[in-house]
């Protein structure tokens, strides 16, 4: 004899479990983003230049998160749960700058603190990102850096500010504007190295 009360309870449990599984499987999955440098030229590896160490990249505390941060207006900050960085932003920014500088001076001559090196570099760069914000209209970036050479008693200081237009309304377009701003920063760092080295 089947216990109808027990059977009804079992059916209710099965329906509830199915609802939970269905709900979980239909939840939106996050998008992961990486900033990337432009493709290097064919002769990038052969170019001679100073050896450069990007020793550090520092960020404000609110940027040390996996979520991409959007700043719609004023002092408002929105952390996106569906748009995330694929790796720590500090490391990603360092990779982009090293890649851009490597395309100018030769990839073997430019490295960051995560790469092994055996001799003292000609140039040491310490980068501080003061602001990196993106709204529906533009990506704003402000940064400063110290640049030291083997002969300098004191590091030389440089700064950079930019506003890069956002080409669309989706998160990918906003991340693309941030990427362009970081590439622009790398080119400014290159200009400061050339200035110091007299190139």
C-alpha atoms as a PDB file:
ATOM      1  CA  UNK A   1       0.000   0.000   0.000  1.00  0.00           C
ATOM      2  CA  UNK A   2       1.409   3.378  -1.004  1.00  0.00           C
ATOM      3  CA  UNK A   3       1.471   6.083   1.626  1.00  0.00           C
ATOM      4  CA  UNK A   4      -0.039   9.042  -0.246  1.00  0.00           C
ATOM      5  CA  UNK A   5       1.197  11.529   2.328  1.00  0.00           C
ATOM      6  CA  UNK A   6       4.792  10.335   1.960  1.00  0.00           C
ATOM      7  CA  UNK A   7       4.483  10.273  -1.799  1.00  0.00           C
ATOM      8  CA  UNK A   8       3.173  13.850  -1.890  1.00  0.00           C
ATOM      9  CA  UNK A   9       6.082  14.966   0.294  1.00  0.00           C
ATOM     10  CA  UNK A  10       8.607  13.261  -1.997  1.00  0.00           C
ATOM     11  CA  UNK A  11       7.059  14.895  -5.068  1.00  0.00           C
ATOM     12  CA  UNK A  12       7.161  18.286  -3.376  1.00  0.00           C
ATOM     13  CA  UNK A  13      10.866  17.816  -2.548  1.00  0.00           C
ATOM     14  CA  UNK A  14      11.622  16.792  -6.152  1.00  0.00           C
ATOM     15  CA  UNK A  15       9.809  19.844  -7.546  1.00  0.00           C
ATOM     16  CA  UNK A  16      11.622  22.169  -5.153  1.00  0.00           C
ATOM     17  CA  UNK A  17      14.992  20.658  -6.060  1.00  0.00           C
ATOM     18  CA  UNK A  18      14.244  20.996  -9.764  1.00  0.00           C
ATOM     19  CA  UNK A  19      13.284  24.644  -9.264  1.00  0.00           C
ATOM     20  CA  UNK A  20      16.558  25.384  -7.474  1.00  0.00           C
ATOM     21  CA  UNK A  21      18.639  23.639 -10.152  1.00  0.00           C
ATOM     22  CA  UNK A  22      16.747  25.399 -12.945  1.00  0.00           C
ATOM     23  CA  UNK A  23      17.169  28.749 -11.209  1.00  0.00           C
ATOM     24  CA  UNK A  24      20.913  28.242 -10.781  1.00  0.00           C
ATOM     25  CA  UNK A  25      21.435  27.126 -14.361  1.00  0.00           C
ATOM     26  CA  UNK A  26      19.578  30.154 -15.726  1.00  0.00           C
ATOM     27  CA  UNK A  27      21.545  32.706 -13.675  1.00  0.00           C
ATOM     28  CA  UNK A  28      23.625  35.045 -15.878  1.00  0.00           C
ATOM     29  CA  UNK A  29      27.287  34.098 -16.052  1.00  0.00           C
ATOM     30  CA  UNK A  30      29.877  36.858 -15.525  1.00  0.00           C
ATOM     31  CA  UNK A  31      31.962  38.226 -18.378  1.00  0.00           C
ATOM     32  CA  UNK A  32      35.735  38.315 -17.833  1.00  0.00           C
ATOM     33  CA  UNK A  33      37.963  40.982 -19.352  1.00  0.00           C
ATOM     34  CA  UNK A  34      41.687  41.439 -19.981  1.00  0.00           C
ATOM     35  CA  UNK A  35      43.366  44.637 -21.102  1.00  0.00           C
ATOM     36  CA  UNK A  36      45.643  43.993 -24.074  1.00  0.00           C
ATOM     37  CA  UNK A  37      48.317  45.954 -25.890  1.00  0.00           C
ATOM     38  CA  UNK A  38      48.257  46.454 -29.676  1.00  0.00           C
ATOM     39  CA  UNK A  39      49.975  43.768 -31.710  1.00  0.00           C
ATOM     40  CA  UNK A  40      53.729  44.272 -31.975  1.00  0.00           C
ATOM     41  CA  UNK A  41      55.457  44.970 -35.267  1.00  0.00           C
ATOM     42  CA  UNK A  42      57.442  42.208 -36.885  1.00  0.00           C
ATOM     43  CA  UNK A  43      60.761  43.828 -35.970  1.00  0.00           C
ATOM     44  CA  UNK A  44      59.842  44.627 -32.366  1.00  0.00           C
ATOM     45  CA  UNK A  45      62.097  41.913 -30.984  1.00  0.00           C
ATOM     46  CA  UNK A  46      65.124  43.316 -32.846  1.00  0.00           C
ATOM     47  CA  UNK A  47      64.983  46.930 -31.745  1.00  0.00           C
ATOM     48  CA  UNK A  48      67.798  48.076 -29.496  1.00  0.00           C
ATOM     49  CA  UNK A  49      67.009  50.233 -26.506  1.00  0.00           C
ATOM     50  CA  UNK A  50      67.587  50.752 -22.808  1.00  0.00           C
ATOM     51  CA  UNK A  51      66.760  47.973 -20.381  1.00  0.00           C
ATOM     52  CA  UNK A  52      63.634  48.979 -18.461  1.00  0.00           C
ATOM     53  CA  UNK A  53      62.173  47.598 -15.240  1.00  0.00           C
ATOM     54  CA  UNK A  54      58.579  48.450 -14.361  1.00  0.00           C
ATOM     55  CA  UNK A  55      59.163  47.894 -10.683  1.00  0.00           C
ATOM     56  CA  UNK A  56      55.715  48.613  -9.310  1.00  0.00           C
ATOM     57  CA  UNK A  57      52.147  49.532 -10.227  1.00  0.00           C
ATOM     58  CA  UNK A  58      49.993  50.826  -7.376  1.00  0.00           C
ATOM     59  CA  UNK A  59      46.223  51.310  -7.466  1.00  0.00           C
ATOM     60  CA  UNK A  60      43.622  52.943  -5.200  1.00  0.00           C
ATOM     61  CA  UNK A  61      42.063  50.396  -2.863  1.00  0.00           C
ATOM     62  CA  UNK A  62      38.671  50.478  -4.590  1.00  0.00           C
ATOM     63  CA  UNK A  63      40.295  49.264  -7.829  1.00  0.00           C
ATOM     64  CA  UNK A  64      41.816  46.203  -6.167  1.00  0.00           C
ATOM     65  CA  UNK A  65      38.705  44.142  -6.823  1.00  0.00           C
ATOM     66  CA  UNK A  66      37.738  41.578  -9.419  1.00  0.00           C
ATOM     67  CA  UNK A  67      34.587  43.493 -10.377  1.00  0.00           C
ATOM     68  CA  UNK A  68      34.829  46.127 -13.094  1.00  0.00           C
ATOM     69  CA  UNK A  69      33.927  49.507 -11.613  1.00  0.00           C
ATOM     70  CA  UNK A  70      31.703  51.960 -13.428  1.00  0.00           C
ATOM     71  CA  UNK A  71      31.220  55.540 -12.270  1.00  0.00           C
ATOM     72  CA  UNK A  72      27.959  56.740 -13.811  1.00  0.00           C
ATOM     73  CA  UNK A  73      28.094  60.289 -12.393  1.00  0.00           C
ATOM     74  CA  UNK A  74      29.712  62.416  -9.725  1.00  0.00           C
ATOM     75  CA  UNK A  75      31.080  60.419  -6.823  1.00  0.00           C
ATOM     76  CA  UNK A  76      28.882  57.382  -7.488  1.00  0.00           C
ATOM     77  CA  UNK A  77      30.694  54.053  -7.831  1.00  0.00           C
ATOM     78  CA  UNK A  78      29.011  50.907  -9.147  1.00  0.00           C
ATOM     79  CA  UNK A  79      30.612  47.466  -8.867  1.00  0.00           C
ATOM     80  CA  UNK A  80      29.439  45.225 -11.707  1.00  0.00           C
ATOM     81  CA  UNK A  81      28.696  41.661 -10.606  1.00  0.00           C
ATOM     82  CA  UNK A  82      28.528  40.484 -14.229  1.00  0.00           C
ATOM     83  CA  UNK A  83      31.701  42.171 -15.541  1.00  0.00           C
ATOM     84  CA  UNK A  84      34.972  41.143 -13.931  1.00  0.00           C
ATOM     85  CA  UNK A  85      38.695  41.331 -14.495  1.00  0.00           C
ATOM     86  CA  UNK A  86      40.214  38.007 -15.476  1.00  0.00           C
ATOM     87  CA  UNK A  87      43.309  38.691 -13.340  1.00  0.00           C
ATOM     88  CA  UNK A  88      44.394  41.301 -10.772  1.00  0.00           C
ATOM     89  CA  UNK A  89      44.261  44.711 -12.423  1.00  0.00           C
ATOM     90  CA  UNK A  90      47.710  45.670 -11.145  1.00  0.00           C
ATOM     91  CA  UNK A  91      49.245  42.721 -12.996  1.00  0.00           C
ATOM     92  CA  UNK A  92      47.172  43.293 -16.136  1.00  0.00           C
ATOM     93  CA  UNK A  93      48.158  46.973 -16.385  1.00  0.00           C
ATOM     94  CA  UNK A  94      51.795  46.007 -15.892  1.00  0.00           C
ATOM     95  CA  UNK A  95      51.548  43.444 -18.712  1.00  0.00           C
ATOM     96  CA  UNK A  96      50.125  46.039 -21.118  1.00  0.00           C
ATOM     97  CA  UNK A  97      52.806  48.631 -20.354  1.00  0.00           C
ATOM     98  CA  UNK A  98      55.626  46.093 -20.577  1.00  0.00           C
ATOM     99  CA  UNK A  99      54.241  44.876 -23.916  1.00  0.00           C
ATOM    100  CA  UNK A 100      54.025  48.403 -25.372  1.00  0.00           C
ATOM    101  CA  UNK A 101      57.525  49.350 -24.189  1.00  0.00           C
ATOM    102  CA  UNK A 102      58.840  45.992 -25.392  1.00  0.00           C
ATOM    103  CA  UNK A 103      57.530  46.827 -28.852  1.00  0.00           C
ATOM    104  CA  UNK A 104      59.650  50.000 -28.809  1.00  0.00           C
ATOM    105  CA  UNK A 105      62.853  48.839 -27.133  1.00  0.00           C
ATOM    106  CA  UNK A 106      62.792  45.086 -27.744  1.00  0.00           C
ATOM    107  CA  UNK A 107      60.847  42.595 -25.645  1.00  0.00           C
ATOM    108  CA  UNK A 108      64.032  41.198 -24.107  1.00  0.00           C
ATOM    109  CA  UNK A 109      64.889  44.659 -22.718  1.00  0.00           C
ATOM    110  CA  UNK A 110      61.659  45.361 -20.815  1.00  0.00           C
ATOM    111  CA  UNK A 111      60.320  43.451 -17.829  1.00  0.00           C
ATOM    112  CA  UNK A 112      58.336  43.861 -14.644  1.00  0.00           C
ATOM    113  CA  UNK A 113      58.806  42.635 -11.100  1.00  0.00           C
ATOM    114  CA  UNK A 114      57.185  39.299 -11.933  1.00  0.00           C
ATOM    115  CA  UNK A 115      59.854  38.510 -14.519  1.00  0.00           C
ATOM    116  CA  UNK A 116      63.331  37.350 -13.614  1.00  0.00           C
ATOM    117  CA  UNK A 117      66.268  39.632 -14.372  1.00  0.00           C
ATOM    118  CA  UNK A 118      69.967  39.266 -13.626  1.00  0.00           C
ATOM    119  CA  UNK A 119      71.489  42.723 -14.099  1.00  0.00           C
ATOM    120  CA  UNK A 120      70.693  46.254 -13.046  1.00  0.00           C
ATOM    121  CA  UNK A 121      68.392  47.939 -15.603  1.00  0.00           C
ATOM    122  CA  UNK A 122      69.136  51.270 -17.262  1.00  0.00           C
ATOM    123  CA  UNK A 123      65.703  52.618 -16.281  1.00  0.00           C
ATOM    124  CA  UNK A 124      63.466  51.850 -13.297  1.00  0.00           C
ATOM    125  CA  UNK A 125      59.824  52.958 -13.401  1.00  0.00           C
ATOM    126  CA  UNK A 126      57.470  53.116 -10.406  1.00  0.00           C
ATOM    127  CA  UNK A 127      53.896  53.807 -11.486  1.00  0.00           C
ATOM    128  CA  UNK A 128      50.999  55.081  -9.392  1.00  0.00           C
ATOM    129  CA  UNK A 129      47.469  55.078 -10.828  1.00  0.00           C
ATOM    130  CA  UNK A 130      45.627  57.896  -9.071  1.00  0.00           C
ATOM    131  CA  UNK A 131      42.287  57.543 -10.857  1.00  0.00           C
ATOM    132  CA  UNK A 132      40.807  55.128 -13.357  1.00  0.00           C
ATOM    133  CA  UNK A 133      37.100  55.626 -13.897  1.00  0.00           C
ATOM    134  CA  UNK A 134      34.711  54.950 -16.742  1.00  0.00           C
ATOM    135  CA  UNK A 135      31.238  56.359 -17.334  1.00  0.00           C
ATOM    136  CA  UNK A 136      28.821  56.067 -20.251  1.00  0.00           C
ATOM    137  CA  UNK A 137      30.763  58.810 -22.058  1.00  0.00           C
ATOM    138  CA  UNK A 138      34.471  58.423 -21.339  1.00  0.00           C
ATOM    139  CA  UNK A 139      37.258  56.715 -19.446  1.00  0.00           C
ATOM    140  CA  UNK A 140      39.247  59.017 -17.174  1.00  0.00           C
ATOM    141  CA  UNK A 141      42.799  58.149 -16.215  1.00  0.00           C
ATOM    142  CA  UNK A 142      45.318  60.009 -14.093  1.00  0.00           C
ATOM    143  CA  UNK A 143      48.722  58.615 -13.197  1.00  0.00           C
ATOM    144  CA  UNK A 144      52.160  59.645 -12.037  1.00  0.00           C
ATOM    145  CA  UNK A 145      55.457  57.804 -12.122  1.00  0.00           C
ATOM    146  CA  UNK A 146      59.017  57.997 -10.906  1.00  0.00           C
ATOM    147  CA  UNK A 147      61.762  57.305 -13.391  1.00  0.00           C
ATOM    148  CA  UNK A 148      65.268  56.483 -12.180  1.00  0.00           C
ATOM    149  CA  UNK A 149      68.448  55.849 -14.127  1.00  0.00           C
ATOM    150  CA  UNK A 150      71.751  54.388 -12.996  1.00  0.00           C
ATOM    151  CA  UNK A 151      73.278  57.851 -12.693  1.00  0.00           C
ATOM    152  CA  UNK A 152      70.345  59.726 -11.099  1.00  0.00           C
ATOM    153  CA  UNK A 153      70.593  60.668  -7.456  1.00  0.00           C
ATOM    154  CA  UNK A 154      66.878  61.489  -7.370  1.00  0.00           C
ATOM    155  CA  UNK A 155      64.104  59.969  -9.478  1.00  0.00           C
ATOM    156  CA  UNK A 156      62.444  62.240 -12.010  1.00  0.00           C
ATOM    157  CA  UNK A 157      58.690  62.685 -11.695  1.00  0.00           C
ATOM    158  CA  UNK A 158      56.140  62.631 -14.516  1.00  0.00           C
ATOM    159  CA  UNK A 159      52.344  62.713 -14.691  1.00  0.00           C
ATOM    160  CA  UNK A 160      49.603  62.007 -17.191  1.00  0.00           C
ATOM    161  CA  UNK A 161      45.876  62.633 -17.498  1.00  0.00           C
ATOM    162  CA  UNK A 162      43.515  61.556 -20.230  1.00  0.00           C
ATOM    163  CA  UNK A 163      39.870  61.222 -21.163  1.00  0.00           C
ATOM    164  CA  UNK A 164      39.108  58.563 -23.754  1.00  0.00           C
ATOM    165  CA  UNK A 165      35.662  58.491 -25.434  1.00  0.00           C
ATOM    166  CA  UNK A 166      33.552  55.351 -25.024  1.00  0.00           C
ATOM    167  CA  UNK A 167      32.433  54.014 -28.403  1.00  0.00           C
ATOM    168  CA  UNK A 168      29.309  52.191 -27.208  1.00  0.00           C
ATOM    169  CA  UNK A 169      26.998  51.578 -24.276  1.00  0.00           C
ATOM    170  CA  UNK A 170      27.981  48.023 -23.389  1.00  0.00           C
ATOM    171  CA  UNK A 171      30.586  46.970 -20.833  1.00  0.00           C
ATOM    172  CA  UNK A 172      32.974  45.780 -23.548  1.00  0.00           C
ATOM    173  CA  UNK A 173      33.108  49.286 -25.048  1.00  0.00           C
ATOM    174  CA  UNK A 174      33.832  50.786 -21.657  1.00  0.00           C
ATOM    175  CA  UNK A 175      36.631  48.313 -20.986  1.00  0.00           C
ATOM    176  CA  UNK A 176      37.964  49.111 -24.471  1.00  0.00           C
ATOM    177  CA  UNK A 177      38.185  52.789 -23.533  1.00  0.00           C
ATOM    178  CA  UNK A 178      40.129  51.882 -20.382  1.00  0.00           C
ATOM    179  CA  UNK A 179      42.457  49.779 -22.513  1.00  0.00           C
ATOM    180  CA  UNK A 180      43.114  52.694 -24.883  1.00  0.00           C
ATOM    181  CA  UNK A 181      43.847  54.948 -21.918  1.00  0.00           C
ATOM    182  CA  UNK A 182      46.407  52.495 -20.498  1.00  0.00           C
ATOM    183  CA  UNK A 183      48.089  52.148 -23.914  1.00  0.00           C
ATOM    184  CA  UNK A 184      48.243  55.958 -24.084  1.00  0.00           C
ATOM    185  CA  UNK A 185      49.846  55.975 -20.640  1.00  0.00           C
ATOM    186  CA  UNK A 186      52.452  53.458 -21.798  1.00  0.00           C
ATOM    187  CA  UNK A 187      53.324  55.726 -24.723  1.00  0.00           C
ATOM    188  CA  UNK A 188      53.748  58.666 -22.338  1.00  0.00           C
ATOM    189  CA  UNK A 189      56.069  56.574 -20.191  1.00  0.00           C
ATOM    190  CA  UNK A 190      58.032  55.767 -23.348  1.00  0.00           C
ATOM    191  CA  UNK A 191      58.279  59.501 -24.131  1.00  0.00           C
ATOM    192  CA  UNK A 192      59.604  60.197 -20.640  1.00  0.00           C
ATOM    193  CA  UNK A 193      62.230  57.454 -21.021  1.00  0.00           C
ATOM    194  CA  UNK A 194      63.319  58.913 -24.355  1.00  0.00           C
ATOM    195  CA  UNK A 195      63.493  62.364 -22.789  1.00  0.00           C
ATOM    196  CA  UNK A 196      65.726  61.175 -19.975  1.00  0.00           C
ATOM    197  CA  UNK A 197      67.921  59.101 -22.281  1.00  0.00           C
ATOM    198  CA  UNK A 198      68.130  61.917 -24.844  1.00  0.00           C
ATOM    199  CA  UNK A 199      66.776  59.817 -27.697  1.00  0.00           C
END
